[in-house]
N, C-alpha and C. Protein backbone atom coordinates (compact mmCIF):
# COMPACT_ATOMS: atom_id res chain seq x y z
N MET A 1 -12.11 256.87 -147.21
CA MET A 1 -11.79 256.86 -148.62
C MET A 1 -12.08 258.26 -149.17
N ASP A 2 -11.13 258.84 -149.88
CA ASP A 2 -11.35 260.14 -150.49
C ASP A 2 -11.70 259.97 -151.98
N PHE A 3 -11.99 261.10 -152.66
CA PHE A 3 -12.39 261.03 -154.05
C PHE A 3 -11.29 260.46 -154.95
N LEU A 4 -10.05 260.73 -154.63
CA LEU A 4 -8.94 260.19 -155.42
C LEU A 4 -8.95 258.67 -155.35
N GLU A 5 -9.06 258.14 -154.15
CA GLU A 5 -9.10 256.68 -153.97
C GLU A 5 -10.35 256.09 -154.62
N LEU A 6 -11.46 256.80 -154.52
CA LEU A 6 -12.69 256.31 -155.12
C LEU A 6 -12.58 256.26 -156.64
N GLY A 7 -11.94 257.25 -157.23
CA GLY A 7 -11.73 257.25 -158.68
C GLY A 7 -10.89 256.07 -159.13
N VAL A 8 -9.83 255.79 -158.39
CA VAL A 8 -8.97 254.65 -158.71
C VAL A 8 -9.75 253.34 -158.56
N MET A 9 -10.59 253.25 -157.52
CA MET A 9 -11.37 252.04 -157.31
C MET A 9 -12.39 251.85 -158.44
N ILE A 10 -13.01 252.92 -158.88
CA ILE A 10 -13.96 252.81 -159.99
C ILE A 10 -13.25 252.33 -161.25
N LYS A 11 -12.06 252.84 -161.50
CA LYS A 11 -11.29 252.38 -162.66
C LYS A 11 -10.99 250.89 -162.54
N THR A 12 -10.59 250.45 -161.36
CA THR A 12 -10.28 249.04 -161.13
C THR A 12 -11.52 248.17 -161.38
N LEU A 13 -12.65 248.58 -160.81
CA LEU A 13 -13.88 247.82 -160.99
C LEU A 13 -14.31 247.78 -162.46
N ARG A 14 -14.18 248.92 -163.13
CA ARG A 14 -14.54 248.99 -164.55
C ARG A 14 -13.65 248.07 -165.38
N ASP A 15 -12.35 248.11 -165.10
CA ASP A 15 -11.40 247.25 -165.82
C ASP A 15 -11.70 245.77 -165.57
N GLU A 16 -12.01 245.42 -164.32
CA GLU A 16 -12.32 244.02 -163.99
C GLU A 16 -13.54 243.53 -164.76
N GLN A 17 -14.49 244.43 -165.01
CA GLN A 17 -15.70 244.05 -165.72
C GLN A 17 -15.56 244.21 -167.24
N LYS A 18 -14.35 244.60 -167.66
CA LYS A 18 -14.04 244.75 -169.08
C LYS A 18 -14.98 245.75 -169.77
N VAL A 19 -15.26 246.84 -169.07
CA VAL A 19 -16.08 247.92 -169.61
C VAL A 19 -15.13 249.05 -169.98
N THR A 20 -15.28 249.58 -171.17
CA THR A 20 -14.43 250.69 -171.58
C THR A 20 -14.98 252.00 -171.01
N GLN A 21 -14.11 253.00 -170.96
CA GLN A 21 -14.57 254.32 -170.53
C GLN A 21 -15.67 254.82 -171.46
N LYS A 22 -15.50 254.59 -172.75
CA LYS A 22 -16.49 255.04 -173.73
C LYS A 22 -17.84 254.41 -173.47
N GLN A 23 -17.88 253.09 -173.24
CA GLN A 23 -19.14 252.39 -172.98
C GLN A 23 -19.82 252.96 -171.73
N MET A 24 -19.06 253.09 -170.66
CA MET A 24 -19.63 253.56 -169.40
C MET A 24 -20.10 255.00 -169.52
N ALA A 25 -19.29 255.84 -170.13
CA ALA A 25 -19.65 257.25 -170.28
C ALA A 25 -20.92 257.41 -171.12
N GLU A 26 -21.01 256.68 -172.20
CA GLU A 26 -22.20 256.78 -173.05
C GLU A 26 -23.44 256.31 -172.32
N HIS A 27 -23.32 255.22 -171.58
CA HIS A 27 -24.46 254.70 -170.83
C HIS A 27 -24.93 255.68 -169.76
N LEU A 28 -23.99 256.37 -169.13
CA LEU A 28 -24.33 257.30 -168.05
C LEU A 28 -24.56 258.73 -168.52
N ALA A 29 -24.40 258.97 -169.81
CA ALA A 29 -24.58 260.31 -170.39
C ALA A 29 -23.64 261.34 -169.74
N ILE A 30 -22.38 260.91 -169.56
CA ILE A 30 -21.34 261.83 -169.12
C ILE A 30 -20.22 261.76 -170.16
N SER A 31 -19.34 262.73 -170.14
CA SER A 31 -18.26 262.68 -171.13
C SER A 31 -17.19 261.68 -170.71
N ARG A 32 -16.56 261.08 -171.70
CA ARG A 32 -15.46 260.17 -171.42
C ARG A 32 -14.33 260.92 -170.73
N ALA A 33 -14.14 262.19 -171.11
CA ALA A 33 -13.09 263.00 -170.49
C ALA A 33 -13.35 263.20 -169.00
N THR A 34 -14.61 263.38 -168.61
CA THR A 34 -14.95 263.53 -167.19
C THR A 34 -14.65 262.24 -166.44
N LEU A 35 -15.03 261.12 -167.02
CA LEU A 35 -14.77 259.82 -166.39
C LEU A 35 -13.27 259.59 -166.26
N SER A 36 -12.53 259.85 -167.31
CA SER A 36 -11.08 259.68 -167.29
C SER A 36 -10.44 260.57 -166.23
N ALA A 37 -10.86 261.82 -166.18
CA ALA A 37 -10.30 262.75 -165.19
C ALA A 37 -10.59 262.26 -163.78
N PHE A 38 -11.79 261.78 -163.53
CA PHE A 38 -12.13 261.29 -162.20
C PHE A 38 -11.28 260.08 -161.83
N GLU A 39 -11.14 259.15 -162.76
CA GLU A 39 -10.35 257.94 -162.48
C GLU A 39 -8.87 258.27 -162.24
N ASN A 40 -8.42 259.38 -162.77
CA ASN A 40 -7.01 259.76 -162.64
C ASN A 40 -6.78 260.91 -161.66
N GLY A 41 -7.78 261.20 -160.83
CA GLY A 41 -7.62 262.18 -159.77
C GLY A 41 -7.58 263.63 -160.22
N ARG A 42 -8.13 263.93 -161.39
CA ARG A 42 -8.09 265.29 -161.90
C ARG A 42 -9.46 265.95 -161.97
N ALA A 43 -10.50 265.33 -161.47
CA ALA A 43 -11.86 265.89 -161.59
C ALA A 43 -12.34 266.40 -160.24
N GLY A 44 -11.90 267.57 -159.87
CA GLY A 44 -12.28 268.13 -158.58
C GLY A 44 -13.72 268.59 -158.51
N ASP A 45 -14.36 268.81 -159.66
CA ASP A 45 -15.71 269.35 -159.65
C ASP A 45 -16.80 268.32 -159.94
N ILE A 46 -16.46 267.05 -159.90
CA ILE A 46 -17.46 266.02 -160.17
C ILE A 46 -18.40 265.89 -158.97
N GLY A 47 -19.67 265.78 -159.23
CA GLY A 47 -20.66 265.69 -158.16
C GLY A 47 -20.86 264.27 -157.65
N ILE A 48 -21.39 264.19 -156.46
CA ILE A 48 -21.64 262.88 -155.84
C ILE A 48 -22.68 262.10 -156.64
N LYS A 49 -23.62 262.79 -157.28
CA LYS A 49 -24.64 262.09 -158.08
C LYS A 49 -23.98 261.30 -159.21
N LYS A 50 -23.00 261.90 -159.88
CA LYS A 50 -22.29 261.19 -160.96
C LYS A 50 -21.51 260.01 -160.40
N VAL A 51 -20.89 260.20 -159.25
CA VAL A 51 -20.14 259.10 -158.63
C VAL A 51 -21.08 257.95 -158.29
N MET A 52 -22.24 258.27 -157.74
CA MET A 52 -23.20 257.23 -157.40
C MET A 52 -23.71 256.52 -158.65
N LEU A 53 -23.90 257.25 -159.75
CA LEU A 53 -24.31 256.63 -161.01
C LEU A 53 -23.23 255.65 -161.50
N MET A 54 -21.97 256.06 -161.40
CA MET A 54 -20.86 255.18 -161.81
C MET A 54 -20.85 253.90 -161.00
N LEU A 55 -20.97 254.05 -159.69
CA LEU A 55 -20.96 252.87 -158.82
C LEU A 55 -22.15 251.97 -159.11
N ASP A 56 -23.33 252.56 -159.30
CA ASP A 56 -24.52 251.77 -159.60
C ASP A 56 -24.34 251.00 -160.91
N TYR A 57 -23.78 251.65 -161.92
CA TYR A 57 -23.53 251.01 -163.21
C TYR A 57 -22.65 249.77 -163.04
N LEU A 58 -21.70 249.86 -162.12
CA LEU A 58 -20.77 248.76 -161.89
C LEU A 58 -21.29 247.75 -160.86
N GLY A 59 -22.49 247.99 -160.31
CA GLY A 59 -23.10 247.05 -159.38
C GLY A 59 -22.73 247.31 -157.93
N TYR A 60 -22.33 248.51 -157.62
CA TYR A 60 -21.95 248.88 -156.25
C TYR A 60 -22.77 250.07 -155.79
N GLN A 61 -22.75 250.31 -154.49
CA GLN A 61 -23.42 251.48 -153.96
C GLN A 61 -22.58 252.14 -152.88
N LEU A 62 -22.75 253.43 -152.74
CA LEU A 62 -22.05 254.19 -151.72
C LEU A 62 -22.94 254.24 -150.49
N ARG A 63 -22.36 253.99 -149.34
CA ARG A 63 -23.16 254.05 -148.12
C ARG A 63 -22.29 254.46 -146.95
N ILE A 64 -22.94 254.90 -145.91
CA ILE A 64 -22.26 255.24 -144.67
C ILE A 64 -22.68 254.20 -143.65
N GLY A 65 -21.70 253.50 -143.09
CA GLY A 65 -22.00 252.46 -142.12
C GLY A 65 -22.12 253.02 -140.71
N LYS A 66 -22.80 252.30 -139.85
CA LYS A 66 -22.99 252.71 -138.47
C LYS A 66 -21.69 252.72 -137.67
N LYS A 67 -20.78 251.86 -138.00
CA LYS A 67 -19.54 251.74 -137.24
C LYS A 67 -18.46 252.67 -137.74
N SER A 68 -18.69 253.32 -138.86
CA SER A 68 -17.67 254.18 -139.44
C SER A 68 -18.30 255.51 -139.82
N ARG A 69 -17.56 256.57 -139.58
CA ARG A 69 -18.04 257.88 -140.01
C ARG A 69 -17.68 258.15 -141.45
N LEU A 70 -16.86 257.31 -142.05
CA LEU A 70 -16.42 257.52 -143.42
C LEU A 70 -17.26 256.70 -144.38
N PRO A 71 -17.58 257.25 -145.54
CA PRO A 71 -18.34 256.48 -146.54
C PRO A 71 -17.56 255.28 -147.03
N THR A 72 -18.28 254.28 -147.42
CA THR A 72 -17.68 253.08 -147.99
C THR A 72 -18.58 252.61 -149.12
N PHE A 73 -18.19 251.59 -149.80
CA PHE A 73 -19.07 251.04 -150.82
C PHE A 73 -18.98 249.54 -150.79
N GLU A 74 -20.04 248.91 -151.30
CA GLU A 74 -20.08 247.44 -151.34
C GLU A 74 -20.77 246.96 -152.57
């Protein structure tokens, strides 16, 4: 999974939980524009720490499994 796919997945998870970009951004102390750009594949400079915060907020975590060299989340 690359960052583009991860951004789309975060948007999907956020939408499923009926959380707005504004709500999530305010809770995580990031700009709504940064969140929007990430979800739409335009945030090339977003750090992994912010991605992990987003996933944690939505109840998921990023991990690397023993059987796969690629990161996944659950």
